[in-house]
Amino acid sequence: MKWKLKIRKEVKIAVALIAISVLIAFSSRKQDGLVCKDISIDLENVHENHFLDEADVMKLVEGSGQKIIGSSLENINLKAIETRLKYDKHILDAELFSDLKGNLVVNVELRRPIARIVQEDAQDAYIAEDGVFMPVSEKYSSRVTLISGSYMKALLKNESLKASEEGTQLLEMIEFINDDKFWKAQIAQLDINSNGKIIIYPQMTGQRVEFGKVDDYELKLKKLMIFYKEILPQKGWTHYQRVNLEYAGQIVAE
C-alpha cells in the first residue's frame, strides 16, 4: 500500500513539472513574437531622493541608440540598456524585462546620499550609502552632513570612498553619525585638512571640535558626549570656544 502511494505521489510531481515546463515554453513562444508596444518606468525610491524622475530614466532608455517601441522584444539588447542606466551614478541598480502584454518594463533603484562634499573651487558631490560619489542635481538637494576640506580632493580621484582604507573609515564614521539621532542632528559639518584631521562644526553649540583623525571615532564621540552632558551644563553652552578630543583619555576645552 505504501509502495502504491509513493508511486502516485511521484506521478503527481512529474505531471506538475511537465505542466510548468509547458507553460514556460508557451510563454516563451508567445513572447518571441511580441513587438514592444510601450515602455513602463518603475522607479524604486524608498528614501524620497528626487535626483532623477521617470522622465529622466526614459531619456536614458531612449538615448541607448536602439529602436525600442515597434521592435521585436527578442531583438532589443536589454543588457546594453541596463549598462547605460547604471553608468548614471544616481542609479544603484537597473533591471529590464518584458511583460506578456508587450511592454518593456524598466525597474530602477536610486542611490541614497548620506553626505555632501562642498568645494570652493570645484563642483560639489554627494557620497552615497555604498560609498560611490554622485554628482549634484539641479532638481533636488538632500539635507545631509556637509564635508569640506582639502583632504577630499585626493579621495574624489576615485569613484568611491571604498577605494581606499582612509575613505572606508570615513564612510563608516558617516554611517555611524547618520544612524544616531543625536549625532545626526548635532553634527552639521566635517572639515578635513590635508593631513586627514577633522574639525567638527556642531549645529546647536558654538564650539570648534578638534576631532583629530578618523580612527577611534566612536571613542572620541563618547568623549564629546561627556563634554556635552557633564561639562557644558555647568559652564554654559557657549562658554568654551573649542574642545580637543585628540588625546587619549583627555578632553581639552578652552
Protein backbone atom coordinates (compact mmCIF):
# COMPACT_ATOMS: atom_id res chain seq x y z
CA MET A 1 0.00 0.00 0.00
CA LYS A 2 2.82 2.37 0.90
CA TRP A 3 4.52 1.47 -2.38
CA LYS A 4 1.41 2.46 -4.37
CA LEU A 5 1.07 5.76 -2.52
CA LYS A 6 4.71 6.55 -3.25
CA ILE A 7 4.18 5.92 -6.98
CA ARG A 8 1.08 8.14 -7.02
CA LYS A 9 2.99 10.93 -5.31
CA GLU A 10 5.85 10.68 -7.83
CA VAL A 11 3.38 10.69 -10.73
CA LYS A 12 1.70 13.85 -9.40
CA ILE A 13 5.08 15.59 -9.10
CA ALA A 14 6.05 14.55 -12.63
CA VAL A 15 2.74 15.82 -14.03
CA ALA A 16 3.19 19.16 -12.22
CA LEU A 17 6.71 19.58 -13.59
CA ILE A 18 5.54 18.81 -17.12
CA ALA A 19 2.71 21.34 -16.79
CA ILE A 20 5.12 24.04 -15.59
CA SER A 21 7.51 23.28 -18.48
CA VAL A 22 4.65 23.54 -21.00
CA LEU A 23 3.55 26.89 -19.55
CA ILE A 24 7.10 28.26 -19.69
CA ALA A 25 7.55 27.06 -23.28
CA PHE A 26 4.19 28.52 -24.27
CA SER A 27 5.02 31.83 -22.61
CA SER A 28 8.42 31.97 -24.32
CA ARG A 29 6.94 31.25 -27.76
CA LYS A 30 4.26 33.87 -27.15
CA GLN A 31 6.84 36.47 -26.18
CA ASP A 32 9.12 35.61 -29.12
CA GLY A 33 6.55 37.05 -31.45
CA LEU A 34 5.78 40.15 -29.40
CA VAL A 35 6.59 43.65 -30.57
CA CYS A 36 7.34 46.28 -27.95
CA LYS A 37 4.24 48.43 -27.55
CA ASP A 38 5.32 50.76 -24.77
CA ILE A 39 7.99 51.45 -22.12
CA SER A 40 6.96 51.33 -18.47
CA ILE A 41 9.25 53.01 -15.90
CA ASP A 42 9.18 51.59 -12.37
CA LEU A 43 11.26 53.88 -10.14
CA GLU A 44 12.12 52.49 -6.71
CA ASN A 45 12.76 55.49 -4.48
CA VAL A 46 12.11 54.40 -0.91
CA HIS A 47 14.24 57.21 0.53
CA GLU A 48 12.45 60.01 -1.36
CA ASN A 49 15.56 61.17 -3.24
CA HIS A 50 14.37 63.04 -6.30
CA PHE A 51 17.63 63.34 -8.24
CA LEU A 52 16.01 61.51 -11.15
CA ASP A 53 12.38 61.09 -12.11
CA GLU A 54 10.60 58.81 -14.59
CA ALA A 55 11.17 61.28 -17.43
CA ASP A 56 14.94 61.29 -16.81
CA VAL A 57 15.07 57.50 -16.85
CA MET A 58 13.00 57.45 -20.05
CA LYS A 59 15.55 59.78 -21.72
CA LEU A 60 18.36 57.43 -20.76
CA VAL A 61 16.49 54.44 -22.19
CA GLU A 62 15.55 56.23 -25.40
CA GLY A 63 19.12 57.51 -25.76
CA SER A 64 20.55 54.00 -25.80
CA GLY A 65 20.86 54.05 -29.59
CA GLN A 66 18.28 51.31 -30.09
CA LYS A 67 14.84 51.50 -31.61
CA ILE A 68 12.61 50.09 -28.88
CA ILE A 69 8.91 50.75 -29.50
CA GLY A 70 7.86 48.81 -32.59
CA SER A 71 10.85 46.45 -32.41
CA SER A 72 10.66 42.76 -31.61
CA LEU A 73 11.31 42.27 -27.88
CA GLU A 74 13.74 39.44 -28.57
CA ASN A 75 15.90 41.76 -30.69
CA ILE A 76 16.25 44.50 -28.04
CA ASN A 77 19.60 44.39 -26.23
CA LEU A 78 18.38 44.71 -22.65
CA LYS A 79 21.85 44.30 -21.12
CA ALA A 80 23.17 47.26 -23.12
CA ILE A 81 20.34 49.47 -21.83
CA GLU A 82 20.93 48.29 -18.25
CA THR A 83 24.63 49.14 -18.57
CA ARG A 84 23.77 52.62 -19.84
CA LEU A 85 21.40 53.20 -16.94
CA LYS A 86 23.94 52.04 -14.33
CA TYR A 87 26.50 54.43 -15.82
CA ASP A 88 24.48 57.24 -14.19
CA LYS A 89 25.83 57.45 -10.63
CA HIS A 90 22.41 58.29 -9.23
CA ILE A 91 21.26 54.78 -10.20
CA LEU A 92 22.19 51.90 -7.91
CA ASP A 93 20.63 49.11 -9.96
CA ALA A 94 18.57 48.60 -13.10
CA GLU A 95 16.66 45.61 -14.42
CA LEU A 96 14.75 45.34 -17.70
CA PHE A 97 12.23 42.71 -18.72
CA SER A 98 9.14 42.37 -20.91
CA ASP A 99 5.66 41.53 -19.78
CA LEU A 100 3.07 39.40 -21.57
CA LYS A 101 1.35 42.50 -22.97
CA GLY A 102 4.40 43.52 -24.96
CA ASN A 103 5.62 46.32 -22.70
CA LEU A 104 9.28 46.84 -21.80
CA VAL A 105 9.42 47.25 -18.01
CA VAL A 106 12.37 49.30 -16.71
CA ASN A 107 12.91 48.83 -12.98
CA VAL A 108 15.37 51.34 -11.48
CA GLU A 109 16.63 51.72 -7.90
CA LEU A 110 18.21 55.04 -6.91
CA ARG A 111 21.21 55.55 -4.66
CA ARG A 112 20.72 57.21 -1.28
CA PRO A 113 23.01 60.16 -0.39
CA ILE A 114 24.41 60.26 3.16
CA ALA A 115 26.77 63.27 2.93
CA ARG A 116 27.58 66.19 0.64
CA ILE A 117 31.10 67.26 -0.27
CA VAL A 118 31.29 71.05 -0.62
CA GLN A 119 34.16 72.63 -2.55
CA GLU A 120 35.05 76.25 -3.22
CA ASP A 121 36.98 75.61 -6.43
CA ALA A 122 35.11 72.64 -7.90
CA GLN A 123 31.68 71.09 -8.26
CA ASP A 124 30.06 69.67 -5.14
CA ALA A 125 29.31 65.96 -4.92
CA TYR A 126 27.29 63.57 -2.80
CA ILE A 127 28.50 60.43 -1.07
CA ALA A 128 26.04 57.56 -1.47
CA GLU A 129 25.45 54.94 1.21
CA ASP A 130 27.56 52.45 -0.77
CA GLY A 131 30.44 54.96 -0.89
CA VAL A 132 30.03 55.96 -4.54
CA PHE A 133 30.40 59.67 -5.40
CA MET A 134 27.28 61.12 -7.03
CA PRO A 135 27.01 64.43 -8.91
CA VAL A 136 24.71 67.13 -7.55
CA SER A 137 21.40 67.78 -9.23
CA GLU A 138 19.58 70.99 -10.13
CA LYS A 139 16.30 69.24 -9.34
CA TYR A 140 16.94 68.16 -5.79
CA SER A 141 19.13 68.98 -2.79
CA SER A 142 19.39 66.44 0.01
CA ARG A 143 19.73 67.62 3.63
CA VAL A 144 22.76 65.63 4.79
CA THR A 145 26.01 66.22 6.70
CA LEU A 146 28.43 68.54 4.88
CA ILE A 147 32.05 67.54 4.32
CA SER A 148 34.71 70.05 3.28
CA GLY A 149 38.48 70.46 3.26
CA SER A 150 41.46 69.73 1.04
CA TYR A 151 41.61 66.09 2.15
CA MET A 152 38.60 65.27 -0.01
CA LYS A 153 40.45 66.21 -3.21
CA ALA A 154 42.54 63.04 -3.08
CA LEU A 155 39.55 60.84 -2.23
CA LEU A 156 37.49 62.27 -5.10
CA LYS A 157 40.06 60.99 -7.61
CA ASN A 158 38.42 57.59 -7.17
CA GLU A 159 34.82 56.65 -7.92
CA SER A 160 34.09 55.58 -4.35
CA LEU A 161 35.22 56.15 -0.77
CA LYS A 162 35.73 52.40 -0.53
CA ALA A 163 38.64 52.61 -2.96
CA SER A 164 40.98 53.47 -0.07
CA GLU A 165 41.32 52.46 3.57
CA GLU A 166 41.06 56.09 4.71
CA GLY A 167 37.91 56.57 2.67
CA THR A 168 36.36 53.37 4.04
CA GLN A 169 36.99 54.56 7.61
CA LEU A 170 35.40 57.92 6.83
CA LEU A 171 32.37 56.18 5.31
CA GLU A 172 31.98 54.10 8.47
CA MET A 173 32.10 57.26 10.60
CA ILE A 174 29.47 58.99 8.44
CA GLU A 175 27.21 55.93 8.69
CA PHE A 176 27.68 55.89 12.47
CA ILE A 177 26.68 59.56 12.70
CA ASN A 178 23.61 59.04 10.49
CA ASP A 179 22.46 56.02 12.48
CA ASP A 180 22.44 58.02 15.73
CA LYS A 181 19.59 60.54 16.11
CA PHE A 182 21.57 62.86 18.34
CA TRP A 183 24.75 62.99 16.24
CA LYS A 184 22.82 63.28 13.00
CA ALA A 185 21.02 66.35 14.38
CA GLN A 186 24.07 67.84 16.12
CA ILE A 187 26.89 67.45 13.57
CA ALA A 188 26.44 69.94 10.75
CA GLN A 189 29.83 69.75 9.02
CA LEU A 190 33.12 67.86 8.98
CA ASP A 191 36.09 69.88 7.72
CA ILE A 192 39.10 67.65 6.91
CA ASN A 193 42.54 69.17 6.30
CA SER A 194 45.30 67.77 4.09
CA ASN A 195 46.62 65.63 6.97
CA GLY A 196 43.26 63.96 7.49
CA LYS A 197 42.46 65.76 10.75
CA ILE A 198 38.79 66.58 11.26
CA ILE A 199 37.18 69.71 12.66
CA ILE A 200 33.54 69.23 13.62
CA TYR A 201 31.17 72.19 13.38
CA PRO A 202 28.11 71.42 15.55
CA GLN A 203 24.57 72.51 14.83
CA MET A 204 23.47 73.71 18.27
CA THR A 205 26.62 74.71 20.18
CA GLY A 206 29.34 77.16 19.20
CA GLN A 207 32.45 75.10 19.93
CA ARG A 208 35.01 74.19 17.31
CA VAL A 209 35.56 70.48 17.92
CA GLU A 210 39.09 69.37 17.11
CA PHE A 211 38.43 65.72 16.46
CA GLY A 212 41.75 64.51 15.05
CA LYS A 213 41.91 61.71 12.50
CA VAL A 214 39.01 59.37 11.86
CA ASP A 215 40.49 56.45 13.79
CA ASP A 216 38.82 55.64 17.13
CA TYR A 217 35.87 57.83 16.10
CA GLU A 218 33.41 56.00 18.39
CA LEU A 219 35.59 56.60 21.45
CA LYS A 220 36.06 60.27 20.54
CA LEU A 221 32.33 60.77 20.08
CA LYS A 222 31.78 59.22 23.52
CA LYS A 223 34.19 61.80 24.95
CA LEU A 224 32.32 64.55 23.13
CA MET A 225 29.06 63.28 24.62
CA ILE A 226 30.63 63.51 28.11
CA PHE A 227 31.60 67.11 27.32
CA TYR A 228 28.00 67.91 26.32
CA LYS A 229 26.37 66.13 29.27
CA GLU A 230 28.73 66.88 32.16
CA ILE A 231 30.83 69.95 31.35
CA LEU A 232 28.65 72.30 29.30
CA PRO A 233 25.68 72.29 31.73
CA GLN A 234 27.99 73.62 34.42
CA LYS A 235 29.64 76.34 32.36
CA GLY A 236 27.01 77.13 29.72
CA TRP A 237 26.66 76.02 26.11
CA THR A 238 28.66 78.96 24.70
CA HIS A 239 31.33 79.24 27.45
CA TYR A 240 34.00 77.27 25.55
CA GLN A 241 35.25 78.22 22.10
CA ARG A 242 36.96 74.95 21.25
CA VAL A 243 37.25 71.38 22.51
CA ASN A 244 40.04 68.96 21.58
CA LEU A 245 39.43 65.18 21.54
CA GLU A 246 42.73 64.03 20.03
CA TYR A 247 44.47 63.00 23.23
CA ALA A 248 43.72 59.58 24.73
CA GLY A 249 41.75 59.77 27.97
CA GLN A 250 41.50 63.59 27.86
CA ILE A 251 39.05 66.29 26.90
CA VAL A 252 40.79 69.64 26.44
CA ALA A 253 38.46 72.65 26.40
CA GLU A 254 39.27 76.35 26.09
